[in-house]
């Protein structure tokens, strides 16, 4: 039995949860104005994404879509909690999972390298 929910199932569940509590967020096309200036004539026209409301559902906004990096962070947090509860070594348990994510999920490998660089810079600054 696996402790980890596959990314596709996790993403589907997050989207369902978002739709249940969907809140309005600022429309990214019109920046919440409800109107967009026409690039040809300069007149304002009603935004086609939000239909003039200035807001769209969070589940329709690209920024709020579940991502592989959010999945990585969620799994990492769950594994930290699991290892703490079971008194297992986090590094030993998480390393194969991390490697699999790096090989299969877009952007995760880059994200981890970036986080490692930031941590290294913080250590150098603290010294």
Protein backbone atom coordinates (compact mmCIF):
# COMPACT_ATOMS: atom_id res chain seq x y z
CA UNK A 1 0.00 0.00 0.00
CA UNK A 2 1.41 3.38 -1.01
CA UNK A 3 1.43 6.31 1.36
CA UNK A 4 1.50 8.82 -1.49
CA UNK A 5 -1.50 9.80 -3.60
CA UNK A 6 -0.46 10.12 -7.28
CA UNK A 7 -0.21 13.66 -8.64
CA UNK A 8 -3.19 13.35 -11.00
CA UNK A 9 -5.49 12.22 -8.18
CA UNK A 10 -4.14 14.92 -5.86
CA UNK A 11 -4.70 17.61 -8.50
CA UNK A 12 -8.24 16.40 -9.24
CA UNK A 13 -9.07 16.47 -5.52
CA UNK A 14 -7.67 20.00 -5.12
CA UNK A 15 -9.75 21.23 -8.06
CA UNK A 16 -12.89 19.67 -6.54
CA UNK A 17 -12.15 21.35 -3.21
CA UNK A 18 -11.60 24.69 -4.94
CA UNK A 19 -14.91 24.45 -6.76
CA UNK A 20 -16.74 23.73 -3.51
CA UNK A 21 -15.39 26.87 -1.84
CA UNK A 22 -14.77 28.88 -5.00
CA UNK A 23 -14.24 32.52 -4.21
CA UNK A 24 -13.93 35.44 -6.55
CA UNK A 25 -10.45 36.69 -7.33
CA UNK A 26 -9.27 39.62 -9.41
CA UNK A 27 -9.51 38.95 -13.13
CA UNK A 28 -5.99 38.70 -14.58
CA UNK A 29 -7.04 40.12 -17.96
CA UNK A 30 -8.53 43.42 -16.78
CA UNK A 31 -6.85 43.66 -13.36
CA UNK A 32 -10.25 43.88 -11.69
CA UNK A 33 -11.50 46.84 -13.74
CA UNK A 34 -14.04 44.85 -15.75
CA UNK A 35 -12.93 46.66 -18.89
CA UNK A 36 -10.00 46.41 -21.24
CA UNK A 37 -8.73 49.15 -23.51
CA UNK A 38 -8.94 48.24 -27.17
CA UNK A 39 -5.44 48.19 -28.67
CA UNK A 40 -6.75 49.46 -32.02
CA UNK A 41 -9.12 52.30 -31.14
CA UNK A 42 -8.25 53.04 -27.50
CA UNK A 43 -11.85 52.73 -26.26
CA UNK A 44 -12.69 50.59 -23.27
CA UNK A 45 -14.60 47.38 -23.89
CA UNK A 46 -16.07 44.80 -21.52
CA UNK A 47 -13.56 42.15 -20.47
CA UNK A 48 -14.30 38.85 -22.16
CA UNK A 49 -12.99 36.74 -19.30
CA UNK A 50 -15.00 38.21 -16.41
CA UNK A 51 -17.80 39.81 -18.46
CA UNK A 52 -17.28 43.14 -16.73
CA UNK A 53 -17.46 41.82 -13.17
CA UNK A 54 -13.76 42.34 -12.47
CA UNK A 55 -13.60 38.95 -10.73
CA UNK A 56 -13.44 35.34 -11.80
CA UNK A 57 -13.68 32.10 -9.82
CA UNK A 58 -10.37 31.11 -8.25
CA UNK A 59 -10.58 27.73 -9.97
CA UNK A 60 -10.52 29.53 -13.35
CA UNK A 61 -7.46 31.66 -12.49
CA UNK A 62 -4.12 30.25 -13.70
CA UNK A 63 -2.32 31.35 -10.52
CA UNK A 64 -4.60 29.21 -8.34
CA UNK A 65 -4.28 25.99 -10.33
CA UNK A 66 -2.69 23.11 -8.42
CA UNK A 67 0.89 22.64 -9.60
CA UNK A 68 3.54 19.93 -9.36
CA UNK A 69 5.49 22.17 -6.97
CA UNK A 70 2.51 22.52 -4.64
CA UNK A 71 2.15 18.73 -4.80
CA UNK A 72 5.84 18.29 -3.93
CA UNK A 73 5.50 20.63 -0.93
CA UNK A 74 2.32 18.87 0.25
CA UNK A 75 3.90 15.42 0.00
CA UNK A 76 7.05 16.66 1.74
CA UNK A 77 5.01 18.10 4.63
CA UNK A 78 2.98 14.90 4.92
CA UNK A 79 6.15 12.78 4.93
CA UNK A 80 7.74 15.01 7.58
CA UNK A 81 4.66 14.55 9.77
CA UNK A 82 4.56 10.80 9.10
CA UNK A 83 8.27 10.36 9.91
CA UNK A 84 7.94 12.42 13.06
CA UNK A 85 4.97 10.36 14.20
CA UNK A 86 6.56 6.99 13.36
CA UNK A 87 10.08 8.06 14.39
CA UNK A 88 11.49 7.14 10.97
CA UNK A 89 14.33 8.97 9.27
CA UNK A 90 12.84 11.61 6.95
CA UNK A 91 15.82 11.76 4.59
CA UNK A 92 15.83 8.00 4.04
CA UNK A 93 12.08 7.86 3.49
CA UNK A 94 11.72 10.97 1.33
CA UNK A 95 14.77 10.73 -0.96
CA UNK A 96 13.34 8.05 -3.34
CA UNK A 97 10.04 9.94 -3.50
CA UNK A 98 11.86 13.19 -4.24
CA UNK A 99 13.90 11.53 -6.99
CA UNK A 100 10.78 10.09 -8.60
CA UNK A 101 9.08 13.49 -8.52
CA UNK A 102 12.16 15.13 -10.08
CA UNK A 103 12.05 12.60 -12.92
CA UNK A 104 8.32 12.70 -13.58
CA UNK A 105 6.87 16.11 -12.62
CA UNK A 106 7.76 19.21 -14.64
CA UNK A 107 9.54 21.96 -12.76
CA UNK A 108 10.13 20.06 -9.51
CA UNK A 109 13.82 19.36 -10.18
CA UNK A 110 14.47 23.03 -10.95
CA UNK A 111 12.48 24.11 -7.88
CA UNK A 112 14.50 21.83 -5.57
CA UNK A 113 17.81 23.07 -7.00
CA UNK A 114 16.62 26.66 -6.53
CA UNK A 115 15.61 25.97 -2.90
CA UNK A 116 19.00 24.34 -2.25
CA UNK A 117 20.82 27.40 -3.67
CA UNK A 118 18.78 29.72 -1.45
CA UNK A 119 19.51 27.57 1.61
CA UNK A 120 23.22 27.55 0.76
CA UNK A 121 23.26 31.34 0.36
CA UNK A 122 21.49 31.72 3.70
CA UNK A 123 24.15 29.53 5.36
CA UNK A 124 26.96 31.53 3.78
CA UNK A 125 25.35 34.80 4.86
CA UNK A 126 24.90 33.56 8.43
CA UNK A 127 28.59 32.56 8.66
